Amino acid sequence: MTDTRAFSKEKLIPQSPLPYISRKALKRVGDDALPIPTKCECGGKVILSKNSVIYNGKEYGDWPFVYHCTCCDRYVGLHPNTDIPLGTLADKCLRDARKSCKPPFNKIWQLGFMSRDEAYIWLANKLDIDKTKCHFGLFDENMCEKARTLCEDFFTKNKVKVNLRTGEIHA
C-alpha cells in the first residue's frame, strides 16, 4: 500500500538530516515501500545519516542518505526524495552479491529483450517468488546467485554473448 503520507494534507516534516520528503516520490515508491529499519540483525541501533559516514567523509549521489547500523557495517540507501529504504540492511558480502547480480538482469531489459517490468515478472517466475518480492534489495546472497545464474543463462539459451560491462552484443 502506498505510504499514506503521499496523500496527507499535513506538512511533511523530514527526520534530520533529510532536507524534505516528496509526496510525488512517496507515490512513485508505492507498494514497494519497506519499513524504516530501527534495529539491525546484530542487535545494533540503526540511524539515518548522510552517506558520508560510510564513505570516509565524501558524499555520493543526488540523495546521499543511508540507514546504517551503529555497531556493524550494514547499511542501505534510500529511495530518492524519501525516507524509505531501497532494501534491507546489507553487509559487504551481501552488497557485493547484489551488485554482481544486477548487471546481467539489467542487460536483459536494457538491450530490448523485454521491458523492465516483463523482466522482473520473468525473474520472479524463474525464482518461484511473488513479483512483489522480486527486488535485488531484498535478496540474500543465495537468491542473488540464483538470479545472476538465471540471467546469464538467459543469454546463453538465446545464443547471445554480451559484455556485461560495456553492453556490447556478439551474436
N, C-alpha and C. Protein backbone atom coordinates (compact mmCIF):
# COMPACT_ATOMS: atom_id res chain seq x y z
N MET A 1 0.84 -1.18 0.00
CA MET A 1 0.00 0.00 0.00
C MET A 1 0.89 1.25 0.00
N THR A 2 0.54 2.20 -0.81
CA THR A 2 1.31 3.44 -0.90
C THR A 2 1.32 4.14 0.45
N ASP A 3 2.45 4.69 0.80
CA ASP A 3 2.63 5.43 2.05
C ASP A 3 1.52 6.47 2.19
N THR A 4 0.80 6.44 3.29
CA THR A 4 -0.33 7.37 3.49
C THR A 4 0.10 8.82 3.51
N ARG A 5 1.36 9.08 3.81
CA ARG A 5 1.86 10.47 3.80
C ARG A 5 1.77 11.08 2.40
N ALA A 6 1.76 10.23 1.37
CA ALA A 6 1.69 10.73 0.00
C ALA A 6 0.39 11.48 -0.26
N PHE A 7 -0.63 11.19 0.51
CA PHE A 7 -1.94 11.80 0.31
C PHE A 7 -2.35 12.73 1.44
N SER A 8 -1.48 12.89 2.41
CA SER A 8 -1.77 13.71 3.58
C SER A 8 -1.80 15.19 3.21
N LYS A 9 -2.64 15.93 3.88
CA LYS A 9 -2.70 17.38 3.69
C LYS A 9 -1.73 18.09 4.63
N GLU A 10 -1.27 17.36 5.66
CA GLU A 10 -0.36 17.94 6.63
C GLU A 10 1.03 18.11 6.03
N LYS A 11 1.76 19.11 6.55
CA LYS A 11 3.12 19.34 6.09
C LYS A 11 3.97 18.13 6.49
N LEU A 12 4.77 17.66 5.53
CA LEU A 12 5.67 16.53 5.80
C LEU A 12 6.94 17.07 6.47
N ILE A 13 7.22 16.57 7.65
CA ILE A 13 8.39 17.01 8.40
C ILE A 13 9.42 15.88 8.34
N PRO A 14 10.51 16.09 7.61
CA PRO A 14 11.51 15.03 7.47
C PRO A 14 12.36 14.87 8.72
N GLN A 15 12.78 13.65 8.94
CA GLN A 15 13.73 13.36 10.01
C GLN A 15 15.09 13.93 9.58
N SER A 16 15.81 14.51 10.51
CA SER A 16 17.15 15.00 10.21
C SER A 16 18.03 13.81 9.84
N PRO A 17 18.86 13.92 8.85
CA PRO A 17 19.35 15.08 8.11
C PRO A 17 18.63 15.32 6.78
N LEU A 18 17.49 14.67 6.54
CA LEU A 18 16.79 14.84 5.26
C LEU A 18 16.31 16.27 5.11
N PRO A 19 16.49 16.87 3.92
CA PRO A 19 16.03 18.25 3.72
C PRO A 19 14.51 18.33 3.49
N TYR A 20 13.93 17.27 2.95
CA TYR A 20 12.49 17.24 2.65
C TYR A 20 12.10 15.80 2.31
N ILE A 21 10.80 15.58 2.20
CA ILE A 21 10.24 14.32 1.69
C ILE A 21 9.20 14.71 0.65
N SER A 22 9.28 14.10 -0.50
CA SER A 22 8.39 14.43 -1.61
C SER A 22 7.18 13.49 -1.66
N ARG A 23 5.98 14.07 -1.71
CA ARG A 23 4.77 13.25 -1.86
C ARG A 23 4.79 12.49 -3.19
N LYS A 24 5.26 13.16 -4.23
CA LYS A 24 5.34 12.52 -5.55
C LYS A 24 6.27 11.31 -5.49
N ALA A 25 7.40 11.45 -4.81
CA ALA A 25 8.34 10.33 -4.68
C ALA A 25 7.75 9.20 -3.84
N LEU A 26 7.01 9.53 -2.79
CA LEU A 26 6.35 8.51 -1.97
C LEU A 26 5.36 7.72 -2.83
N LYS A 27 4.62 8.42 -3.70
CA LYS A 27 3.67 7.75 -4.59
C LYS A 27 4.40 6.85 -5.57
N ARG A 28 5.56 7.31 -6.08
CA ARG A 28 6.33 6.53 -7.05
C ARG A 28 6.81 5.21 -6.43
N VAL A 29 7.23 5.25 -5.16
CA VAL A 29 7.66 4.02 -4.49
C VAL A 29 6.47 3.09 -4.33
N GLY A 30 5.31 3.65 -4.03
CA GLY A 30 4.06 2.89 -3.99
C GLY A 30 4.11 1.70 -3.06
N ASP A 31 3.66 0.56 -3.57
CA ASP A 31 3.54 -0.66 -2.78
C ASP A 31 4.89 -1.30 -2.46
N ASP A 32 5.96 -0.78 -3.05
CA ASP A 32 7.28 -1.36 -2.81
C ASP A 32 7.93 -0.85 -1.53
N ALA A 33 7.25 0.05 -0.82
CA ALA A 33 7.83 0.65 0.37
C ALA A 33 8.09 -0.38 1.47
N LEU A 34 9.30 -0.36 1.97
CA LEU A 34 9.69 -1.21 3.09
C LEU A 34 9.64 -0.38 4.37
N PRO A 35 9.49 -1.03 5.51
CA PRO A 35 9.51 -0.28 6.76
C PRO A 35 10.90 0.30 7.03
N ILE A 36 10.92 1.41 7.72
CA ILE A 36 12.17 2.04 8.10
C ILE A 36 12.84 1.17 9.17
N PRO A 37 14.10 0.77 8.93
CA PRO A 37 14.76 -0.10 9.91
C PRO A 37 15.14 0.69 11.17
N THR A 38 14.99 0.06 12.31
CA THR A 38 15.37 0.69 13.58
C THR A 38 16.39 -0.15 14.33
N LYS A 39 16.40 -1.46 14.05
CA LYS A 39 17.31 -2.37 14.73
C LYS A 39 17.94 -3.29 13.69
N CYS A 40 19.23 -3.50 13.82
CA CYS A 40 19.98 -4.38 12.93
C CYS A 40 19.89 -5.81 13.43
N GLU A 41 20.12 -6.76 12.54
CA GLU A 41 20.11 -8.17 12.97
C GLU A 41 21.22 -8.48 13.97
N CYS A 42 22.27 -7.63 14.03
CA CYS A 42 23.33 -7.82 15.03
C CYS A 42 22.90 -7.31 16.40
N GLY A 43 21.75 -6.63 16.44
CA GLY A 43 21.25 -6.06 17.69
C GLY A 43 21.54 -4.58 17.83
N GLY A 44 22.34 -4.04 16.91
CA GLY A 44 22.70 -2.63 16.96
C GLY A 44 21.56 -1.71 16.55
N LYS A 45 21.68 -0.48 16.97
CA LYS A 45 20.70 0.56 16.62
C LYS A 45 20.97 1.04 15.19
N VAL A 46 19.91 1.29 14.44
CA VAL A 46 20.03 1.79 13.08
C VAL A 46 19.64 3.26 13.08
N ILE A 47 20.48 4.09 12.45
CA ILE A 47 20.20 5.52 12.40
C ILE A 47 20.26 6.01 10.95
N LEU A 48 19.63 7.14 10.71
CA LEU A 48 19.62 7.81 9.41
C LEU A 48 20.75 8.83 9.39
N SER A 49 21.57 8.77 8.35
CA SER A 49 22.71 9.69 8.22
C SER A 49 22.95 10.03 6.76
N LYS A 50 23.82 10.99 6.53
CA LYS A 50 24.34 11.20 5.18
C LYS A 50 25.29 10.05 4.89
N ASN A 51 25.40 9.69 3.61
CA ASN A 51 26.25 8.55 3.27
C ASN A 51 27.73 8.85 3.43
N SER A 52 28.08 10.06 3.76
CA SER A 52 29.49 10.39 4.01
C SER A 52 30.03 9.62 5.23
N VAL A 53 29.14 9.15 6.13
CA VAL A 53 29.60 8.34 7.27
C VAL A 53 30.12 6.98 6.79
N ILE A 54 29.64 6.53 5.64
CA ILE A 54 30.07 5.25 5.07
C ILE A 54 31.32 5.45 4.21
N TYR A 55 31.38 6.58 3.50
CA TYR A 55 32.42 6.82 2.50
C TYR A 55 33.50 7.79 2.98
N ASN A 56 33.90 7.67 4.23
CA ASN A 56 35.03 8.44 4.76
C ASN A 56 34.92 9.95 4.51
N GLY A 57 33.74 10.51 4.76
CA GLY A 57 33.57 11.95 4.67
C GLY A 57 33.13 12.48 3.33
N LYS A 58 33.07 11.63 2.30
CA LYS A 58 32.66 12.09 0.97
C LYS A 58 31.23 11.63 0.69
N GLU A 59 30.41 12.56 0.22
CA GLU A 59 29.02 12.23 -0.13
C GLU A 59 28.95 11.78 -1.58
N TYR A 60 28.03 10.82 -1.84
CA TYR A 60 27.81 10.34 -3.19
C TYR A 60 26.33 10.38 -3.51
N GLY A 61 26.02 10.71 -4.75
CA GLY A 61 24.65 10.65 -5.24
C GLY A 61 23.85 11.92 -5.02
N ASP A 62 22.72 11.96 -5.71
CA ASP A 62 21.81 13.11 -5.60
C ASP A 62 21.01 13.08 -4.30
N TRP A 63 20.85 11.91 -3.72
CA TRP A 63 20.11 11.75 -2.45
C TRP A 63 21.04 10.96 -1.51
N PRO A 64 22.02 11.66 -0.92
CA PRO A 64 23.11 10.99 -0.21
C PRO A 64 22.79 10.59 1.23
N PHE A 65 21.82 9.71 1.39
CA PHE A 65 21.38 9.32 2.72
C PHE A 65 21.32 7.81 2.85
N VAL A 66 21.58 7.32 4.06
CA VAL A 66 21.57 5.89 4.34
C VAL A 66 21.01 5.65 5.74
N TYR A 67 20.47 4.45 5.90
CA TYR A 67 20.23 3.91 7.23
C TYR A 67 21.42 3.01 7.49
N HIS A 68 22.06 3.18 8.63
CA HIS A 68 23.21 2.32 8.92
C HIS A 68 23.22 1.92 10.38
N CYS A 69 23.79 0.76 10.61
CA CYS A 69 23.91 0.21 11.95
C CYS A 69 25.07 0.89 12.67
N THR A 70 24.87 1.22 13.93
CA THR A 70 25.92 1.86 14.72
C THR A 70 26.94 0.86 15.24
N CYS A 71 26.66 -0.44 15.07
CA CYS A 71 27.56 -1.48 15.61
C CYS A 71 28.31 -2.28 14.55
N CYS A 72 27.76 -2.40 13.35
CA CYS A 72 28.42 -3.20 12.32
C CYS A 72 28.42 -2.43 11.00
N ASP A 73 28.79 -3.08 9.92
CA ASP A 73 28.94 -2.37 8.64
C ASP A 73 27.71 -2.45 7.73
N ARG A 74 26.56 -2.86 8.28
CA ARG A 74 25.37 -2.97 7.44
C ARG A 74 24.75 -1.58 7.21
N TYR A 75 24.33 -1.37 5.97
CA TYR A 75 23.61 -0.13 5.64
C TYR A 75 22.76 -0.34 4.41
N VAL A 76 21.88 0.63 4.15
CA VAL A 76 21.03 0.62 2.96
C VAL A 76 20.73 2.07 2.59
N GLY A 77 20.70 2.33 1.29
CA GLY A 77 20.35 3.66 0.80
C GLY A 77 18.85 3.88 0.82
N LEU A 78 18.44 5.07 0.40
CA LEU A 78 17.03 5.45 0.40
C LEU A 78 16.53 5.73 -1.01
N HIS A 79 15.24 5.47 -1.24
CA HIS A 79 14.62 5.90 -2.48
C HIS A 79 14.77 7.41 -2.56
N PRO A 80 15.10 7.95 -3.73
CA PRO A 80 15.30 9.39 -3.85
C PRO A 80 14.11 10.19 -3.35
N ASN A 81 14.42 11.24 -2.62
CA ASN A 81 13.44 12.21 -2.11
C ASN A 81 12.46 11.62 -1.11
N THR A 82 12.84 10.51 -0.47
CA THR A 82 12.01 9.89 0.55
C THR A 82 12.88 9.47 1.73
N ASP A 83 12.22 8.92 2.74
CA ASP A 83 12.92 8.30 3.87
C ASP A 83 12.75 6.79 3.83
N ILE A 84 12.36 6.25 2.68
CA ILE A 84 12.06 4.83 2.51
C ILE A 84 13.31 4.09 2.05
N PRO A 85 13.69 3.01 2.76
CA PRO A 85 14.89 2.26 2.36
C PRO A 85 14.70 1.55 1.02
N LEU A 86 15.81 1.45 0.27
CA LEU A 86 15.80 0.77 -1.02
C LEU A 86 15.73 -0.74 -0.89
N GLY A 87 16.04 -1.25 0.27
CA GLY A 87 16.05 -2.69 0.51
C GLY A 87 16.29 -2.95 1.98
N THR A 88 16.91 -4.08 2.25
CA THR A 88 17.23 -4.43 3.62
C THR A 88 18.67 -4.03 3.91
N LEU A 89 18.99 -3.90 5.18
CA LEU A 89 20.37 -3.62 5.58
C LEU A 89 21.27 -4.73 5.07
N ALA A 90 22.45 -4.35 4.57
CA ALA A 90 23.34 -5.34 3.98
C ALA A 90 24.78 -5.10 4.42
N ASP A 91 25.48 -6.19 4.70
CA ASP A 91 26.90 -6.10 4.99
C ASP A 91 27.66 -6.15 3.66
N LYS A 92 28.98 -6.08 3.71
CA LYS A 92 29.78 -6.00 2.48
C LYS A 92 29.55 -7.20 1.56
N CYS A 93 29.51 -8.40 2.11
CA CYS A 93 29.30 -9.59 1.27
C CYS A 93 27.96 -9.53 0.54
N LEU A 94 26.92 -9.13 1.24
CA LEU A 94 25.60 -9.05 0.61
C LEU A 94 25.54 -7.91 -0.39
N ARG A 95 26.14 -6.77 -0.06
CA ARG A 95 26.17 -5.65 -1.03
C ARG A 95 26.89 -6.08 -2.30
N ASP A 96 28.02 -6.78 -2.15
CA ASP A 96 28.77 -7.26 -3.32
C ASP A 96 27.94 -8.25 -4.13
N ALA A 97 27.22 -9.14 -3.46
CA ALA A 97 26.39 -10.11 -4.16
C ALA A 97 25.28 -9.40 -4.95
N ARG A 98 24.65 -8.40 -4.33
CA ARG A 98 23.60 -7.65 -5.02
C ARG A 98 24.15 -6.89 -6.22
N LYS A 99 25.33 -6.30 -6.06
CA LYS A 99 25.95 -5.56 -7.17
C LYS A 99 26.32 -6.47 -8.33
N SER A 100 26.71 -7.71 -8.03
CA SER A 100 27.15 -8.61 -9.11
C SER A 100 25.99 -9.22 -9.87
N CYS A 101 24.82 -9.33 -9.26
CA CYS A 101 23.72 -9.99 -9.95
C CYS A 101 22.83 -9.01 -10.73
N LYS A 102 22.92 -7.74 -10.43
CA LYS A 102 22.02 -6.80 -11.11
C LYS A 102 22.42 -6.48 -12.56
N PRO A 103 23.72 -6.32 -12.89
CA PRO A 103 24.06 -6.00 -14.28
C PRO A 103 23.55 -7.01 -15.31
N PRO A 104 23.68 -8.33 -15.10
CA PRO A 104 23.13 -9.25 -16.10
C PRO A 104 21.62 -9.11 -16.25
N PHE A 105 20.93 -8.86 -15.14
CA PHE A 105 19.49 -8.64 -15.21
C PHE A 105 19.17 -7.38 -16.00
N ASN A 106 19.86 -6.29 -15.69
CA ASN A 106 19.59 -5.02 -16.37
C ASN A 106 19.79 -5.13 -17.87
N LYS A 107 20.80 -5.89 -18.29
CA LYS A 107 21.05 -6.02 -19.73
C LYS A 107 19.88 -6.68 -20.46
N ILE A 108 19.16 -7.54 -19.79
CA ILE A 108 18.01 -8.20 -20.43
C ILE A 108 17.00 -7.17 -20.90
N TRP A 109 16.68 -6.21 -20.06
CA TRP A 109 15.68 -5.21 -20.49
C TRP A 109 16.31 -4.02 -21.20
N GLN A 110 17.54 -3.66 -20.83
CA GLN A 110 18.18 -2.52 -21.49
C GLN A 110 18.49 -2.81 -22.95
N LEU A 111 18.74 -4.06 -23.27
CA LEU A 111 19.04 -4.44 -24.64
C LEU A 111 17.78 -4.79 -25.44
N GLY A 112 16.62 -4.63 -24.81
CA GLY A 112 15.36 -4.77 -25.53
C GLY A 112 14.80 -6.17 -25.64
N PHE A 113 15.32 -7.13 -24.90
CA PHE A 113 14.76 -8.48 -24.95
C PHE A 113 13.36 -8.51 -24.36
N MET A 114 13.10 -7.65 -23.40
CA MET A 114 11.78 -7.47 -22.80
C MET A 114 11.79 -6.15 -22.05
N SER A 115 10.62 -5.69 -21.66
CA SER A 115 10.56 -4.44 -20.88
C SER A 115 11.09 -4.71 -19.47
N ARG A 116 11.36 -3.66 -18.72
CA ARG A 116 11.86 -3.81 -17.35
C ARG A 116 10.84 -4.57 -16.50
N ASP A 117 9.58 -4.19 -16.62
CA ASP A 117 8.54 -4.87 -15.84
C ASP A 117 8.43 -6.34 -16.24
N GLU A 118 8.47 -6.61 -17.55
CA GLU A 118 8.43 -8.00 -18.02
C GLU A 118 9.64 -8.80 -17.49
N ALA A 119 10.79 -8.14 -17.42
CA ALA A 119 11.99 -8.81 -16.92
C ALA A 119 11.84 -9.18 -15.44
N TYR A 120 11.25 -8.29 -14.66
CA TYR A 120 11.01 -8.61 -13.25
C TYR A 120 9.99 -9.74 -13.11
N ILE A 121 8.97 -9.74 -13.94
CA ILE A 121 7.99 -10.83 -13.91
C ILE A 121 8.66 -12.15 -14.30
N TRP A 122 9.46 -12.12 -15.36
CA TRP A 122 10.20 -13.31 -15.81
C TRP A 122 11.09 -13.84 -14.69
N LEU A 123 11.87 -12.93 -14.05
CA LEU A 123 12.79 -13.36 -12.99
C LEU A 123 12.02 -13.91 -11.78
N ALA A 124 10.94 -13.25 -11.41
CA ALA A 124 10.13 -13.74 -10.28
C ALA A 124 9.62 -15.15 -10.56
N ASN A 125 9.14 -15.37 -11.77
CA ASN A 125 8.66 -16.71 -12.14
C ASN A 125 9.78 -17.74 -12.09
N LYS A 126 10.95 -17.38 -12.61
CA LYS A 126 12.09 -18.30 -12.61
C LYS A 126 12.56 -18.61 -11.18
N LEU A 127 12.49 -17.60 -10.31
CA LEU A 127 12.91 -17.79 -8.91
C LEU A 127 11.80 -18.39 -8.05
N ASP A 128 10.61 -18.51 -8.65
CA ASP A 128 9.44 -19.04 -7.94
C ASP A 128 9.10 -18.21 -6.70
N ILE A 129 9.11 -16.88 -6.91
CA ILE A 129 8.72 -15.95 -5.85
C ILE A 129 7.68 -14.99 -6.40
N ASP A 130 6.95 -14.34 -5.53
CA ASP A 130 5.97 -13.34 -5.93
C ASP A 130 6.69 -12.13 -6.51
N LYS A 131 6.10 -11.51 -7.54
CA LYS A 131 6.74 -10.35 -8.17
C LYS A 131 7.00 -9.24 -7.15
N THR A 132 6.14 -9.11 -6.15
CA THR A 132 6.35 -8.05 -5.14
C THR A 132 7.59 -8.30 -4.29
N LYS A 133 8.10 -9.53 -4.30
CA LYS A 133 9.31 -9.86 -3.54
C LYS A 133 10.55 -9.91 -4.44
N CYS A 134 10.36 -9.62 -5.72
CA CYS A 134 11.46 -9.70 -6.67
C CYS A 134 12.14 -8.33 -6.80
N HIS A 135 12.96 -8.03 -5.80
CA HIS A 135 13.75 -6.80 -5.76
C HIS A 135 15.14 -7.17 -5.27
N PHE A 136 16.15 -6.71 -5.96
CA PHE A 136 17.52 -7.07 -5.59
C PHE A 136 17.86 -6.61 -4.18
N GLY A 137 17.25 -5.51 -3.73
CA GLY A 137 17.48 -5.01 -2.38
C GLY A 137 16.89 -5.89 -1.30
N LEU A 138 16.10 -6.89 -1.69
CA LEU A 138 15.52 -7.84 -0.72
C LEU A 138 16.23 -9.18 -0.74
N PHE A 139 17.05 -9.42 -1.76
CA PHE A 139 17.66 -10.73 -1.94
C PHE A 139 18.77 -10.98 -0.92
N ASP A 140 18.89 -12.25 -0.48
CA ASP A 140 20.04 -12.67 0.30
C ASP A 140 21.10 -13.15 -0.71
N GLU A 141 22.26 -13.57 -0.21
CA GLU A 141 23.35 -13.97 -1.11
C GLU A 141 22.96 -15.15 -2.00
N ASN A 142 22.24 -16.12 -1.46
CA ASN A 142 21.82 -17.28 -2.22
C ASN A 142 20.88 -16.88 -3.36
N MET A 143 19.93 -16.02 -3.07
CA MET A 143 18.99 -15.57 -4.10
C MET A 143 19.71 -14.74 -5.16
N CYS A 144 20.70 -13.96 -4.75
CA CYS A 144 21.49 -13.19 -5.72
C CYS A 144 22.19 -14.12 -6.71
N GLU A 145 22.77 -15.18 -6.19
CA GLU A 145 23.48 -16.14 -7.04
C GLU A 145 22.52 -16.81 -8.02
N LYS A 146 21.34 -17.19 -7.52
CA LYS A 146 20.34 -17.81 -8.39
C LYS A 146 19.92 -16.83 -9.49
N ALA A 147 19.67 -15.57 -9.12
CA ALA A 147 19.24 -14.56 -10.10
C ALA A 147 20.33 -14.33 -11.15
N ARG A 148 21.58 -14.20 -10.70
CA ARG A 148 22.69 -13.97 -11.63
C ARG A 148 22.81 -15.14 -12.61
N THR A 149 22.74 -16.35 -12.11
CA THR A 149 22.84 -17.54 -12.96
C THR A 149 21.70 -17.59 -13.97
N LEU A 150 20.48 -17.32 -13.52
CA LEU A 150 19.33 -17.31 -14.43
C LEU A 150 19.49 -16.29 -15.55
N CYS A 151 19.97 -15.10 -15.18
CA CYS A 151 20.12 -14.04 -16.17
C CYS A 151 21.24 -14.37 -17.16
N GLU A 152 22.33 -14.90 -16.67
CA GLU A 152 23.42 -15.30 -17.57
C GLU A 152 22.97 -16.44 -18.47
N ASP A 153 22.20 -17.39 -17.92
CA ASP A 153 21.67 -18.50 -18.72
C ASP A 153 20.72 -18.00 -19.80
N PHE A 154 20.01 -16.92 -19.52
CA PHE A 154 19.10 -16.32 -20.50
C PHE A 154 19.86 -15.99 -21.78
N PHE A 155 21.03 -15.38 -21.62
CA PHE A 155 21.83 -15.01 -22.78
C PHE A 155 22.40 -16.24 -23.48
N THR A 156 22.83 -17.22 -22.71
CA THR A 156 23.36 -18.46 -23.30
C THR A 156 22.28 -19.17 -24.11
N LYS A 157 21.08 -19.31 -23.54
CA LYS A 157 19.98 -20.01 -24.23
C LYS A 157 19.53 -19.26 -25.48
N ASN A 158 19.69 -17.94 -25.47
CA ASN A 158 19.31 -17.14 -26.64
C ASN A 158 20.48 -16.93 -27.59
N LYS A 159 21.59 -17.68 -27.31
CA LYS A 159 22.78 -17.63 -28.16
C LYS A 159 23.28 -16.20 -28.39
N VAL A 160 23.30 -15.45 -27.29
CA VAL A 160 23.78 -14.07 -27.35
C VAL A 160 24.92 -13.93 -26.35
N LYS A 161 26.03 -13.38 -26.82
CA LYS A 161 27.14 -13.08 -25.92
C LYS A 161 27.12 -11.58 -25.67
N VAL A 162 27.06 -11.22 -24.39
CA VAL A 162 27.00 -9.82 -24.01
C VAL A 162 28.15 -9.52 -23.07
N ASN A 163 28.88 -8.46 -23.37
CA ASN A 163 29.87 -7.96 -22.43
C ASN A 163 29.07 -7.15 -21.41
N LEU A 164 28.94 -7.68 -20.19
CA LEU A 164 28.09 -7.05 -19.18
C LEU A 164 28.62 -5.70 -18.72
N ARG A 165 29.90 -5.45 -18.95
CA ARG A 165 30.47 -4.16 -18.57
C ARG A 165 30.13 -3.09 -19.60
N THR A 166 30.24 -3.42 -20.89
CA THR A 166 30.04 -2.44 -21.95
C THR A 166 28.68 -2.53 -22.61
N GLY A 167 28.02 -3.68 -22.48
CA GLY A 167 26.74 -3.89 -23.16
C GLY A 167 26.89 -4.32 -24.59
N GLU A 168 28.13 -4.51 -25.04
CA GLU A 168 28.38 -4.92 -26.41
C GLU A 168 27.86 -6.33 -26.65
N ILE A 169 27.13 -6.50 -27.79
CA ILE A 169 26.50 -7.78 -28.12
C ILE A 169 27.29 -8.44 -29.24
N HIS A 170 27.50 -9.76 -29.08
CA HIS A 170 28.13 -10.57 -30.12
C HIS A 170 27.19 -11.75 -30.37
N ALA A 171 26.62 -11.81 -31.56
CA ALA A 171 25.69 -12.89 -31.88
C ALA A 171 26.42 -14.16 -32.26
